[in-house]
Amino acid sequence: MSEPSAHFPAIEVASLTKRVADATGELTILHNINFTVQAGATLAIVGASGSGKSTLLGLLAGLDTPTEGTVRLNGVDIFALDEDGRAGLRKAELGFVFQSFQLLSHLNALENVMLPLELRNDGAAREKAQAMLARVGLASRLKHYPKYLSGGEQQRVALARAFVSEPPLLFADEPTGSLDAVTGESVIRLMFELNRERRSTLVLVTHDPSIAALCKRTITITAGQLI
């Protein structure tokens, strides 16, 4: 895992604004968002559906570009990079957990978790992926394809894939949104256990106040503005 810089916050968001054209002219999704996140912190981004929280997470990851403002990850201005540069930064620095799991259907559980390591040419990808799947309780499901796994098992595979390369930053977008309450609670508990073990910085988008309460800090987005 690359070490966070001692000189910079893990995340710096400065004057971040996102506007898009719509049928009525121009729609402001986010307006002048500013905050910082220190290395190793846990942050929940909360807000009603349509408030802009998932758009904000996409901007933090460089998956979208802002109309104004910027994001710095460990001191690097990600929007000063071209798309290839941002993709390289994501590969090296970020792990993702999505509501819809985003597993590759033609790969089994082991292959899905190996993938980010193979993209880094890690010669120990298989061993690390096996160990990580064992850590999330799926040692007996290595060769199962996503369609043969329950929702909770798929999200555990997604957690293993996100954590296996020990990224300094982990982003999670409504990670329990597709799960029942009991399974969701189990997945969240596991995610925070892994986060503590790996000492990564966690940014979590959720509409669930009980999940947000597990984070050290919460920010609220309402109608595209930070409250």
C-alpha atoms as a PDB file:
ATOM      1  CA  MET A   1       0.000   0.000   0.000  1.00  0.00           C
ATOM      2  CA  SER A   2       1.398   3.394  -0.860  1.00  0.00           C
ATOM      3  CA  GLU A   3       1.825   5.573   2.198  1.00  0.00           C
ATOM      4  CA  PRO A   4      -0.283   8.740   2.413  1.00  0.00           C
ATOM      5  CA  SER A   5       1.757  11.925   2.345  1.00  0.00           C
ATOM      6  CA  ALA A   6       2.447  13.398   5.750  1.00  0.00           C
ATOM      7  CA  HIS A   7       2.110  16.864   4.246  1.00  0.00           C
ATOM      8  CA  PHE A   8      -1.349  16.698   2.703  1.00  0.00           C
ATOM      9  CA  PRO A   9      -4.837  15.577   3.718  1.00  0.00           C
ATOM     10  CA  ALA A  10      -6.011  12.394   2.040  1.00  0.00           C
ATOM     11  CA  ILE A  11      -8.743  14.371   0.250  1.00  0.00           C
ATOM     12  CA  GLU A  12      -9.092  18.114  -0.370  1.00  0.00           C
ATOM     13  CA  VAL A  13     -12.227  19.385  -2.110  1.00  0.00           C
ATOM     14  CA  ALA A  14     -12.063  23.014  -3.244  1.00  0.00           C
ATOM     15  CA  SER A  15     -14.944  25.046  -4.702  1.00  0.00           C
ATOM     16  CA  LEU A  16     -16.333  21.955  -6.401  1.00  0.00           C
ATOM     17  CA  THR A  17     -19.290  22.730  -8.678  1.00  0.00           C
ATOM     18  CA  LYS A  18     -21.080  20.551 -11.220  1.00  0.00           C
ATOM     19  CA  ARG A  19     -23.646  21.878 -13.688  1.00  0.00           C
ATOM     20  CA  VAL A  20     -25.304  20.030 -16.560  1.00  0.00           C
ATOM     21  CA  ALA A  21     -27.605  21.099 -19.377  1.00  0.00           C
ATOM     22  CA  ASP A  22     -31.216  19.974 -19.220  1.00  0.00           C
ATOM     23  CA  ALA A  23     -34.477  20.770 -21.005  1.00  0.00           C
ATOM     24  CA  THR A  24     -34.921  23.996 -19.029  1.00  0.00           C
ATOM     25  CA  GLY A  25     -31.370  25.260 -19.541  1.00  0.00           C
ATOM     26  CA  GLU A  26     -28.795  24.474 -16.896  1.00  0.00           C
ATOM     27  CA  LEU A  27     -29.105  22.391 -13.733  1.00  0.00           C
ATOM     28  CA  THR A  28     -26.716  22.799 -10.813  1.00  0.00           C
ATOM     29  CA  ILE A  29     -26.077  19.405  -9.225  1.00  0.00           C
ATOM     30  CA  LEU A  30     -23.359  20.551  -6.812  1.00  0.00           C
ATOM     31  CA  HIS A  31     -22.491  24.099  -5.799  1.00  0.00           C
ATOM     32  CA  ASN A  32     -19.233  25.292  -4.220  1.00  0.00           C
ATOM     33  CA  ILE A  33     -18.430  22.205  -2.119  1.00  0.00           C
ATOM     34  CA  ASN A  34     -15.410  22.515   0.194  1.00  0.00           C
ATOM     35  CA  PHE A  35     -14.047  20.039   2.754  1.00  0.00           C
ATOM     36  CA  THR A  36     -10.972  18.013   3.674  1.00  0.00           C
ATOM     37  CA  VAL A  37     -10.542  14.449   4.904  1.00  0.00           C
ATOM     38  CA  GLN A  38      -7.476  13.407   6.877  1.00  0.00           C
ATOM     39  CA  ALA A  39      -5.669  10.143   6.207  1.00  0.00           C
ATOM     40  CA  GLY A  40      -7.233   7.200   8.022  1.00  0.00           C
ATOM     41  CA  ALA A  41     -10.520   9.014   8.689  1.00  0.00           C
ATOM     42  CA  THR A  42     -14.016   7.664   8.064  1.00  0.00           C
ATOM     43  CA  LEU A  43     -16.489  10.052   6.434  1.00  0.00           C
ATOM     44  CA  ALA A  44     -20.165   9.542   5.637  1.00  0.00           C
ATOM     45  CA  ILE A  45     -21.799  11.628   2.911  1.00  0.00           C
ATOM     46  CA  VAL A  46     -25.545  11.680   3.537  1.00  0.00           C
ATOM     47  CA  GLY A  47     -28.534  13.261   1.831  1.00  0.00           C
ATOM     48  CA  ALA A  48     -31.848  12.493   0.209  1.00  0.00           C
ATOM     49  CA  SER A  49     -32.088  10.778  -3.149  1.00  0.00           C
ATOM     50  CA  GLY A  50     -31.122  13.249  -5.854  1.00  0.00           C
ATOM     51  CA  SER A  51     -29.204  15.518  -3.475  1.00  0.00           C
ATOM     52  CA  GLY A  52     -25.935  15.073  -5.394  1.00  0.00           C
ATOM     53  CA  LYS A  53     -24.063  12.758  -3.015  1.00  0.00           C
ATOM     54  CA  SER A  54     -23.292  10.050  -5.584  1.00  0.00           C
ATOM     55  CA  THR A  55     -22.245  12.719  -8.087  1.00  0.00           C
ATOM     56  CA  LEU A  56     -19.863  14.052  -5.442  1.00  0.00           C
ATOM     57  CA  LEU A  57     -18.368  10.596  -4.900  1.00  0.00           C
ATOM     58  CA  GLY A  58     -17.860  10.193  -8.645  1.00  0.00           C
ATOM     59  CA  LEU A  59     -16.026  13.529  -8.747  1.00  0.00           C
ATOM     60  CA  LEU A  60     -13.839  12.539  -5.790  1.00  0.00           C
ATOM     61  CA  ALA A  61     -12.788   9.472  -7.757  1.00  0.00           C
ATOM     62  CA  GLY A  62     -12.224  11.384 -10.984  1.00  0.00           C
ATOM     63  CA  LEU A  63     -14.925   9.364 -12.752  1.00  0.00           C
ATOM     64  CA  ASP A  64     -16.579  12.643 -13.759  1.00  0.00           C
ATOM     65  CA  THR A  65     -15.193  16.149 -14.240  1.00  0.00           C
ATOM     66  CA  PRO A  66     -16.421  19.286 -12.451  1.00  0.00           C
ATOM     67  CA  THR A  67     -17.636  22.496 -14.006  1.00  0.00           C
ATOM     68  CA  GLU A  68     -15.540  24.428 -11.490  1.00  0.00           C
ATOM     69  CA  GLY A  69     -13.199  23.624  -8.624  1.00  0.00           C
ATOM     70  CA  THR A  70     -10.984  20.607  -8.051  1.00  0.00           C
ATOM     71  CA  VAL A  71     -10.158  17.583  -5.907  1.00  0.00           C
ATOM     72  CA  ARG A  72      -6.720  16.710  -4.536  1.00  0.00           C
ATOM     73  CA  LEU A  73      -5.968  13.171  -3.432  1.00  0.00           C
ATOM     74  CA  ASN A  74      -2.873  13.060  -1.211  1.00  0.00           C
ATOM     75  CA  GLY A  75      -1.867  16.406  -2.679  1.00  0.00           C
ATOM     76  CA  VAL A  76      -2.392  15.467  -6.342  1.00  0.00           C
ATOM     77  CA  ASP A  77      -4.814  17.667  -8.291  1.00  0.00           C
ATOM     78  CA  ILE A  78      -6.680  14.923 -10.123  1.00  0.00           C
ATOM     79  CA  PHE A  79      -8.206  17.262 -12.687  1.00  0.00           C
ATOM     80  CA  ALA A  80      -4.762  18.487 -13.698  1.00  0.00           C
ATOM     81  CA  LEU A  81      -4.267  14.919 -14.968  1.00  0.00           C
ATOM     82  CA  ASP A  82      -5.610  13.624 -18.278  1.00  0.00           C
ATOM     83  CA  GLU A  83      -8.030  10.672 -18.309  1.00  0.00           C
ATOM     84  CA  ASP A  84      -5.199   8.144 -18.515  1.00  0.00           C
ATOM     85  CA  GLY A  85      -3.534   9.821 -15.555  1.00  0.00           C
ATOM     86  CA  ARG A  86      -6.730   9.686 -13.509  1.00  0.00           C
ATOM     87  CA  ALA A  87      -7.215   6.027 -14.439  1.00  0.00           C
ATOM     88  CA  GLY A  88      -3.676   5.276 -13.294  1.00  0.00           C
ATOM     89  CA  LEU A  89      -4.286   7.088 -10.020  1.00  0.00           C
ATOM     90  CA  ARG A  90      -7.489   5.121  -9.421  1.00  0.00           C
ATOM     91  CA  LYS A  91      -5.665   1.859 -10.088  1.00  0.00           C
ATOM     92  CA  ALA A  92      -2.906   2.751  -7.640  1.00  0.00           C
ATOM     93  CA  GLU A  93      -4.791   4.590  -4.900  1.00  0.00           C
ATOM     94  CA  LEU A  94      -8.504   3.721  -4.839  1.00  0.00           C
ATOM     95  CA  GLY A  95     -10.790   0.851  -3.954  1.00  0.00           C
ATOM     96  CA  PHE A  96     -14.520   0.912  -4.760  1.00  0.00           C
ATOM     97  CA  VAL A  97     -17.583  -0.780  -3.314  1.00  0.00           C
ATOM     98  CA  PHE A  98     -20.768  -0.214  -5.321  1.00  0.00           C
ATOM     99  CA  GLN A  99     -24.419  -0.767  -4.477  1.00  0.00           C
ATOM    100  CA  SER A 100     -24.790  -3.031  -7.536  1.00  0.00           C
ATOM    101  CA  PHE A 101     -21.566  -4.966  -6.766  1.00  0.00           C
ATOM    102  CA  GLN A 102     -20.096  -4.414 -10.281  1.00  0.00           C
ATOM    103  CA  LEU A 103     -18.619  -7.901 -10.457  1.00  0.00           C
ATOM    104  CA  LEU A 104     -17.634  -9.233 -13.869  1.00  0.00           C
ATOM    105  CA  SER A 105     -20.098 -12.008 -14.693  1.00  0.00           C
ATOM    106  CA  HIS A 106     -17.648 -14.046 -16.792  1.00  0.00           C
ATOM    107  CA  LEU A 107     -15.116 -14.239 -13.936  1.00  0.00           C
ATOM    108  CA  ASN A 108     -15.504 -16.391 -10.841  1.00  0.00           C
ATOM    109  CA  ALA A 109     -15.093 -14.979  -7.327  1.00  0.00           C
ATOM    110  CA  LEU A 110     -11.357 -15.636  -7.221  1.00  0.00           C
ATOM    111  CA  GLU A 111     -10.781 -14.105 -10.658  1.00  0.00           C
ATOM    112  CA  ASN A 112     -12.828 -11.011  -9.765  1.00  0.00           C
ATOM    113  CA  VAL A 113     -10.679 -10.414  -6.683  1.00  0.00           C
ATOM    114  CA  MET A 114      -7.432 -11.167  -8.530  1.00  0.00           C
ATOM    115  CA  LEU A 115      -8.211  -8.611 -11.236  1.00  0.00           C
ATOM    116  CA  PRO A 116      -6.933  -5.393  -9.564  1.00  0.00           C
ATOM    117  CA  LEU A 117      -3.739  -7.197  -8.562  1.00  0.00           C
ATOM    118  CA  GLU A 118      -3.214  -8.571 -12.058  1.00  0.00           C
ATOM    119  CA  LEU A 119      -3.614  -5.054 -13.446  1.00  0.00           C
ATOM    120  CA  ARG A 120      -0.633  -4.159 -11.262  1.00  0.00           C
ATOM    121  CA  ASN A 121       1.313  -7.218 -12.455  1.00  0.00           C
ATOM    122  CA  ASP A 122       1.372  -8.596  -8.919  1.00  0.00           C
ATOM    123  CA  GLY A 123       2.947 -12.052  -9.076  1.00  0.00           C
ATOM    124  CA  ALA A 124       1.191 -13.088  -5.864  1.00  0.00           C
ATOM    125  CA  ALA A 125      -2.289 -12.138  -7.103  1.00  0.00           C
ATOM    126  CA  ARG A 126      -3.795 -15.610  -6.672  1.00  0.00           C
ATOM    127  CA  GLU A 127      -2.468 -16.134  -3.154  1.00  0.00           C
ATOM    128  CA  LYS A 128      -3.520 -12.666  -1.990  1.00  0.00           C
ATOM    129  CA  ALA A 129      -7.003 -13.037  -3.516  1.00  0.00           C
ATOM    130  CA  GLN A 130      -7.489 -16.452  -1.899  1.00  0.00           C
ATOM    131  CA  ALA A 131      -6.467 -15.071   1.487  1.00  0.00           C
ATOM    132  CA  MET A 132      -8.776 -12.079   1.118  1.00  0.00           C
ATOM    133  CA  LEU A 133     -11.754 -14.226   0.149  1.00  0.00           C
ATOM    134  CA  ALA A 134     -11.063 -16.427   3.166  1.00  0.00           C
ATOM    135  CA  ARG A 135     -11.023 -13.269   5.298  1.00  0.00           C
ATOM    136  CA  VAL A 136     -14.545 -12.368   4.125  1.00  0.00           C
ATOM    137  CA  GLY A 137     -15.809 -15.904   4.714  1.00  0.00           C
ATOM    138  CA  LEU A 138     -15.834 -17.157   1.126  1.00  0.00           C
ATOM    139  CA  ALA A 139     -12.961 -19.649   1.081  1.00  0.00           C
ATOM    140  CA  SER A 140     -15.348 -22.334  -0.173  1.00  0.00           C
ATOM    141  CA  ARG A 141     -16.814 -20.170  -2.960  1.00  0.00           C
ATOM    142  CA  LEU A 142     -13.681 -19.289  -4.940  1.00  0.00           C
ATOM    143  CA  LYS A 143     -14.817 -20.890  -8.193  1.00  0.00           C
ATOM    144  CA  HIS A 144     -18.423 -19.713  -8.067  1.00  0.00           C
ATOM    145  CA  TYR A 145     -19.554 -17.185 -10.673  1.00  0.00           C
ATOM    146  CA  PRO A 146     -21.567 -14.132  -9.532  1.00  0.00           C
ATOM    147  CA  LYS A 147     -24.899 -15.568 -10.737  1.00  0.00           C
ATOM    148  CA  TYR A 148     -24.463 -18.478  -8.322  1.00  0.00           C
ATOM    149  CA  LEU A 149     -23.761 -16.225  -5.322  1.00  0.00           C
ATOM    150  CA  SER A 150     -26.332 -14.524  -3.089  1.00  0.00           C
ATOM    151  CA  GLY A 151     -26.448 -10.738  -2.909  1.00  0.00           C
ATOM    152  CA  GLY A 152     -24.565 -10.769   0.378  1.00  0.00           C
ATOM    153  CA  GLU A 153     -21.903 -13.088  -1.042  1.00  0.00           C
ATOM    154  CA  GLN A 154     -21.502 -10.897  -4.117  1.00  0.00           C
ATOM    155  CA  GLN A 155     -21.002  -7.838  -1.909  1.00  0.00           C
ATOM    156  CA  ARG A 156     -18.402  -9.761   0.112  1.00  0.00           C
ATOM    157  CA  VAL A 157     -16.560 -10.534  -3.107  1.00  0.00           C
ATOM    158  CA  ALA A 158     -16.777  -6.828  -3.961  1.00  0.00           C
ATOM    159  CA  LEU A 159     -15.331  -5.960  -0.530  1.00  0.00           C
ATOM    160  CA  ALA A 160     -12.504  -8.449  -1.032  1.00  0.00           C
ATOM    161  CA  ARG A 161     -11.753  -6.944  -4.450  1.00  0.00           C
ATOM    162  CA  ALA A 162     -11.766  -3.410  -3.038  1.00  0.00           C
ATOM    163  CA  PHE A 163      -9.437  -4.216  -0.139  1.00  0.00           C
ATOM    164  CA  VAL A 164      -7.111  -6.809  -1.674  1.00  0.00           C
ATOM    165  CA  SER A 165      -4.670  -4.268  -3.102  1.00  0.00           C
ATOM    166  CA  GLU A 166      -4.662  -2.320   0.198  1.00  0.00           C
ATOM    167  CA  PRO A 167      -5.625   1.035  -1.344  1.00  0.00           C
ATOM    168  CA  PRO A 168      -5.027   4.181   0.721  1.00  0.00           C
ATOM    169  CA  LEU A 169      -8.553   5.369  -0.200  1.00  0.00           C
ATOM    170  CA  LEU A 170     -11.788   3.397  -0.208  1.00  0.00           C
ATOM    171  CA  PHE A 171     -15.030   4.782  -1.655  1.00  0.00           C
ATOM    172  CA  ALA A 172     -18.363   3.038  -1.039  1.00  0.00           C
ATOM    173  CA  ASP A 173     -21.612   4.103  -2.734  1.00  0.00           C
ATOM    174  CA  GLU A 174     -24.700   2.795  -0.883  1.00  0.00           C
ATOM    175  CA  PRO A 175     -22.968  -0.576  -0.328  1.00  0.00           C
ATOM    176  CA  THR A 176     -26.013  -2.147   1.364  1.00  0.00           C
ATOM    177  CA  GLY A 177     -28.666  -0.688  -0.937  1.00  0.00           C
ATOM    178  CA  SER A 178     -29.245  -4.020  -2.704  1.00  0.00           C
ATOM    179  CA  LEU A 179     -29.211  -6.146   0.458  1.00  0.00           C
ATOM    180  CA  ASP A 180     -31.740  -7.089   3.131  1.00  0.00           C
ATOM    181  CA  ALA A 181     -31.260  -5.534   6.585  1.00  0.00           C
ATOM    182  CA  VAL A 182     -29.542  -8.513   8.253  1.00  0.00           C
ATOM    183  CA  THR A 183     -27.156  -9.155   5.348  1.00  0.00           C
ATOM    184  CA  GLY A 184     -26.478  -5.420   5.016  1.00  0.00           C
ATOM    185  CA  GLU A 185     -25.550  -5.136   8.680  1.00  0.00           C
ATOM    186  CA  SER A 186     -23.122  -8.048   8.315  1.00  0.00           C
ATOM    187  CA  VAL A 187     -21.500  -6.492   5.230  1.00  0.00           C
ATOM    188  CA  ILE A 188     -21.137  -3.083   6.894  1.00  0.00           C
ATOM    189  CA  ARG A 189     -19.574  -4.640   9.993  1.00  0.00           C
ATOM    190  CA  LEU A 190     -17.083  -6.486   7.795  1.00  0.00           C
ATOM    191  CA  MET A 191     -16.275  -3.347   5.786  1.00  0.00           C
ATOM    192  CA  PHE A 192     -15.403  -1.370   8.906  1.00  0.00           C
ATOM    193  CA  GLU A 193     -13.347  -4.256  10.295  1.00  0.00           C
ATOM    194  CA  LEU A 194     -11.330  -4.411   7.075  1.00  0.00           C
ATOM    195  CA  ASN A 195     -10.980  -0.635   7.022  1.00  0.00           C
ATOM    196  CA  ARG A 196      -9.525  -0.614  10.547  1.00  0.00           C
ATOM    197  CA  GLU A 197      -7.139  -3.440   9.678  1.00  0.00           C
ATOM    198  CA  ARG A 198      -5.922  -1.758   6.480  1.00  0.00           C
ATOM    199  CA  ARG A 199      -5.881   1.780   7.974  1.00  0.00           C
ATOM    200  CA  SER A 200      -7.352   3.206   4.787  1.00  0.00           C
ATOM    201  CA  THR A 201      -9.381   6.392   4.444  1.00  0.00           C
ATOM    202  CA  LEU A 202     -13.061   5.530   3.982  1.00  0.00           C
ATOM    203  CA  VAL A 203     -15.651   7.748   2.284  1.00  0.00           C
ATOM    204  CA  LEU A 204     -19.124   6.239   2.396  1.00  0.00           C
ATOM    205  CA  VAL A 205     -22.271   7.494   0.638  1.00  0.00           C
ATOM    206  CA  THR A 206     -25.442   6.409   2.409  1.00  0.00           C
ATOM    207  CA  HIS A 207     -28.992   7.461   3.176  1.00  0.00           C
ATOM    208  CA  ASP A 208     -29.008   5.314   6.336  1.00  0.00           C
ATOM    209  CA  PRO A 209     -28.267   7.336   9.517  1.00  0.00           C
ATOM    210  CA  SER A 210     -27.313   4.185  11.457  1.00  0.00           C
ATOM    211  CA  ILE A 211     -24.565   3.442   8.936  1.00  0.00           C
ATOM    212  CA  ALA A 212     -23.440   7.076   8.853  1.00  0.00           C
ATOM    213  CA  ALA A 213     -23.166   7.011  12.661  1.00  0.00           C
ATOM    214  CA  LEU A 214     -20.393   4.400  12.371  1.00  0.00           C
ATOM    215  CA  CYS A 215     -18.168   6.992  10.674  1.00  0.00           C
ATOM    216  CA  LYS A 216     -16.157   9.479  12.704  1.00  0.00           C
ATOM    217  CA  ARG A 217     -17.555  12.365  10.641  1.00  0.00           C
ATOM    218  CA  THR A 218     -20.669  13.067   8.565  1.00  0.00           C
ATOM    219  CA  ILE A 219     -21.382  15.738   5.977  1.00  0.00           C
ATOM    220  CA  THR A 220     -24.857  16.367   4.563  1.00  0.00           C
ATOM    221  CA  ILE A 221     -25.629  17.355   0.971  1.00  0.00           C
ATOM    222  CA  THR A 222     -28.975  19.086   0.405  1.00  0.00           C
ATOM    223  CA  ALA A 223     -29.970  20.306  -3.058  1.00  0.00           C
ATOM    224  CA  GLY A 224     -26.342  20.195  -4.156  1.00  0.00           C
ATOM    225  CA  GLN A 225     -24.982  22.217  -1.230  1.00  0.00           C
ATOM    226  CA  LEU A 226     -22.971  21.216   1.796  1.00  0.00           C
ATOM    227  CA  ILE A 227     -24.925  21.747   5.008  1.00  0.00           C
END
